[in-house]
Amino acid sequence: MRLNDEPFQLVKEGTKTIEVRLNDAKRQEIQSGDFITFTNLKSAEQITVEVIGAEVFTSFQALLTHYSNQVTGFSNDIQLSQKLASIYQIYSQTDELAYGALAIEIRLITK
């Protein structure tokens, strides 16, 4: 999976432990014990994480309300509306209604 530089660095540091994705057909295959390699879009650096768990939510709002800003990779001063706006730059609300949101709990394996 590809990640922008900032969330990539947070995963690498171990502070971002929840990856937020659309629960599309590809992501519905993710299970505990799987390994994901993230590629930094800026540097092409890669890190590997283990999937600890995956939880489906009906919306990104429900997911982001459930988890803290820190574990989802947002700074503490960012409001819910700002987090949603950043996610809607990546995923459409139509897709969100069709698939829902997925919180992937991860643990860093390699740096």
C-alpha atoms as a PDB file:
ATOM      1  CA  MET A   1       0.000   0.000   0.000  1.00  0.00           C
ATOM      2  CA  ARG A   2       1.155   3.497  -0.686  1.00  0.00           C
ATOM      3  CA  LEU A   3       1.340   6.228   1.946  1.00  0.00           C
ATOM      4  CA  ASN A   4       2.121   9.920   1.839  1.00  0.00           C
ATOM      5  CA  ASP A   5       5.312  10.913   3.612  1.00  0.00           C
ATOM      6  CA  GLU A   6       3.808  12.228   6.863  1.00  0.00           C
ATOM      7  CA  PRO A   7       1.661   9.177   7.727  1.00  0.00           C
ATOM      8  CA  PHE A   8       4.506   6.920   6.570  1.00  0.00           C
ATOM      9  CA  GLN A   9       6.868   8.563   9.075  1.00  0.00           C
ATOM     10  CA  LEU A  10       4.281   8.205  11.861  1.00  0.00           C
ATOM     11  CA  VAL A  11       3.916   4.478  11.147  1.00  0.00           C
ATOM     12  CA  LYS A  12       7.706   4.167  11.090  1.00  0.00           C
ATOM     13  CA  GLU A  13       7.926   5.916  14.479  1.00  0.00           C
ATOM     14  CA  GLY A  14       5.274   3.588  15.864  1.00  0.00           C
ATOM     15  CA  THR A  15       2.818   6.336  16.820  1.00  0.00           C
ATOM     16  CA  LYS A  16       0.306   5.696  14.012  1.00  0.00           C
ATOM     17  CA  THR A  17      -1.143   2.251  14.706  1.00  0.00           C
ATOM     18  CA  ILE A  18      -4.456   2.517  12.834  1.00  0.00           C
ATOM     19  CA  GLU A  19      -4.453   2.761   9.043  1.00  0.00           C
ATOM     20  CA  VAL A  20      -7.713   4.197   7.677  1.00  0.00           C
ATOM     21  CA  ARG A  21      -8.879   2.845   4.330  1.00  0.00           C
ATOM     22  CA  LEU A  22     -12.007   2.397   2.269  1.00  0.00           C
ATOM     23  CA  ASN A  23     -13.424  -1.078   2.917  1.00  0.00           C
ATOM     24  CA  ASP A  24     -13.388  -1.970  -0.782  1.00  0.00           C
ATOM     25  CA  ALA A  25     -13.133  -5.518  -2.135  1.00  0.00           C
ATOM     26  CA  LYS A  26      -9.323  -5.546  -1.902  1.00  0.00           C
ATOM     27  CA  ARG A  27      -9.298  -4.363   1.736  1.00  0.00           C
ATOM     28  CA  GLN A  28     -12.059  -6.810   2.723  1.00  0.00           C
ATOM     29  CA  GLU A  29      -9.457  -9.570   2.268  1.00  0.00           C
ATOM     30  CA  ILE A  30      -7.232  -8.191   5.064  1.00  0.00           C
ATOM     31  CA  GLN A  31      -7.051 -10.376   8.166  1.00  0.00           C
ATOM     32  CA  SER A  32      -5.156 -10.493  11.450  1.00  0.00           C
ATOM     33  CA  GLY A  33      -1.703 -11.953  10.901  1.00  0.00           C
ATOM     34  CA  ASP A  34      -1.338 -10.529   7.390  1.00  0.00           C
ATOM     35  CA  PHE A  35       1.687  -8.415   6.531  1.00  0.00           C
ATOM     36  CA  ILE A  36       1.451  -5.130   4.647  1.00  0.00           C
ATOM     37  CA  THR A  37       4.349  -3.320   3.030  1.00  0.00           C
ATOM     38  CA  PHE A  38       3.875   0.437   2.930  1.00  0.00           C
ATOM     39  CA  THR A  39       5.717   2.444   0.293  1.00  0.00           C
ATOM     40  CA  ASN A  40       6.464   6.102   0.925  1.00  0.00           C
ATOM     41  CA  LEU A  41       5.151   8.071  -2.076  1.00  0.00           C
ATOM     42  CA  LYS A  42       7.857  10.722  -1.624  1.00  0.00           C
ATOM     43  CA  SER A  43      10.980   8.585  -1.133  1.00  0.00           C
ATOM     44  CA  ALA A  44       9.929   5.060  -2.230  1.00  0.00           C
ATOM     45  CA  GLU A  45      11.183   3.805   1.178  1.00  0.00           C
ATOM     46  CA  GLN A  46       9.338   0.736   2.408  1.00  0.00           C
ATOM     47  CA  ILE A  47       8.354  -0.614   5.813  1.00  0.00           C
ATOM     48  CA  THR A  48       6.464  -3.742   6.763  1.00  0.00           C
ATOM     49  CA  VAL A  49       3.719  -4.003   9.361  1.00  0.00           C
ATOM     50  CA  GLU A  50       1.709  -6.872  10.764  1.00  0.00           C
ATOM     51  CA  VAL A  51      -2.079  -6.624  10.869  1.00  0.00           C
ATOM     52  CA  ILE A  52      -3.241  -7.012  14.469  1.00  0.00           C
ATOM     53  CA  GLY A  53      -6.911  -6.569  13.620  1.00  0.00           C
ATOM     54  CA  ALA A  54      -9.381  -4.940  11.260  1.00  0.00           C
ATOM     55  CA  GLU A  55     -12.668  -3.284  12.150  1.00  0.00           C
ATOM     56  CA  VAL A  56     -15.345  -2.172   9.696  1.00  0.00           C
ATOM     57  CA  PHE A  57     -17.307   1.042  10.233  1.00  0.00           C
ATOM     58  CA  THR A  58     -20.293   2.379   8.311  1.00  0.00           C
ATOM     59  CA  SER A  59     -18.518   5.710   7.758  1.00  0.00           C
ATOM     60  CA  PHE A  60     -15.198   7.481   8.128  1.00  0.00           C
ATOM     61  CA  GLN A  61     -16.863   9.734  10.690  1.00  0.00           C
ATOM     62  CA  ALA A  62     -17.765   6.738  12.874  1.00  0.00           C
ATOM     63  CA  LEU A  63     -14.222   5.368  12.554  1.00  0.00           C
ATOM     64  CA  LEU A  64     -12.517   8.681  13.344  1.00  0.00           C
ATOM     65  CA  THR A  65     -14.809   9.286  16.319  1.00  0.00           C
ATOM     66  CA  HIS A  66     -13.920   5.851  17.697  1.00  0.00           C
ATOM     67  CA  TYR A  67     -10.109   6.262  17.566  1.00  0.00           C
ATOM     68  CA  SER A  68      -7.835   8.995  18.888  1.00  0.00           C
ATOM     69  CA  ASN A  69      -6.106  11.453  16.585  1.00  0.00           C
ATOM     70  CA  GLN A  70      -2.688  10.074  17.523  1.00  0.00           C
ATOM     71  CA  VAL A  71      -3.303   6.440  16.555  1.00  0.00           C
ATOM     72  CA  THR A  72      -4.897   7.474  13.249  1.00  0.00           C
ATOM     73  CA  GLY A  73      -2.027   9.817  12.385  1.00  0.00           C
ATOM     74  CA  PHE A  74      -3.641  13.205  12.951  1.00  0.00           C
ATOM     75  CA  SER A  75      -2.284  15.953  15.178  1.00  0.00           C
ATOM     76  CA  ASN A  76      -4.228  16.498  18.398  1.00  0.00           C
ATOM     77  CA  ASP A  77      -5.514  19.946  17.417  1.00  0.00           C
ATOM     78  CA  ILE A  78      -7.272  18.788  14.224  1.00  0.00           C
ATOM     79  CA  GLN A  79     -11.064  18.730  14.363  1.00  0.00           C
ATOM     80  CA  LEU A  80     -13.239  15.922  12.998  1.00  0.00           C
ATOM     81  CA  SER A  81     -14.377  18.062  10.045  1.00  0.00           C
ATOM     82  CA  GLN A  82     -10.744  18.633   9.031  1.00  0.00           C
ATOM     83  CA  LYS A  83      -9.936  14.921   9.275  1.00  0.00           C
ATOM     84  CA  LEU A  84     -12.960  14.076   7.119  1.00  0.00           C
ATOM     85  CA  ALA A  85     -11.997  16.730   4.565  1.00  0.00           C
ATOM     86  CA  SER A  86      -8.525  15.191   4.229  1.00  0.00           C
ATOM     87  CA  ILE A  87      -9.999  11.703   3.757  1.00  0.00           C
ATOM     88  CA  TYR A  88     -12.487  12.948   1.163  1.00  0.00           C
ATOM     89  CA  GLN A  89      -9.542  14.221  -0.883  1.00  0.00           C
ATOM     90  CA  ILE A  90      -8.623  10.536  -1.293  1.00  0.00           C
ATOM     91  CA  TYR A  91     -11.983   8.712  -1.208  1.00  0.00           C
ATOM     92  CA  SER A  92     -15.372   9.826  -2.501  1.00  0.00           C
ATOM     93  CA  GLN A  93     -18.406   9.928  -0.256  1.00  0.00           C
ATOM     94  CA  THR A  94     -20.194   7.737  -2.814  1.00  0.00           C
ATOM     95  CA  ASP A  95     -17.585   5.022  -2.313  1.00  0.00           C
ATOM     96  CA  GLU A  96     -17.844   5.475   1.443  1.00  0.00           C
ATOM     97  CA  LEU A  97     -21.596   4.840   1.286  1.00  0.00           C
ATOM     98  CA  ALA A  98     -21.058   1.776  -0.891  1.00  0.00           C
ATOM     99  CA  TYR A  99     -18.213   0.147   1.055  1.00  0.00           C
ATOM    100  CA  GLY A 100     -17.852   1.725   4.486  1.00  0.00           C
ATOM    101  CA  ALA A 101     -14.551   2.444   6.223  1.00  0.00           C
ATOM    102  CA  LEU A 102     -11.892   0.093   7.527  1.00  0.00           C
ATOM    103  CA  ALA A 103      -9.608   0.597  10.513  1.00  0.00           C
ATOM    104  CA  ILE A 104      -6.549  -1.630  10.148  1.00  0.00           C
ATOM    105  CA  GLU A 105      -4.681  -2.047  13.439  1.00  0.00           C
ATOM    106  CA  ILE A 106      -0.986  -2.460  12.677  1.00  0.00           C
ATOM    107  CA  ARG A 107       2.318  -3.210  14.398  1.00  0.00           C
ATOM    108  CA  LEU A 108       5.639  -2.218  12.833  1.00  0.00           C
ATOM    109  CA  ILE A 109       7.856  -5.153  11.828  1.00  0.00           C
ATOM    110  CA  THR A 110      10.712  -3.461   9.904  1.00  0.00           C
ATOM    111  CA  LYS A 111      11.967   0.081   9.605  1.00  0.00           C
END
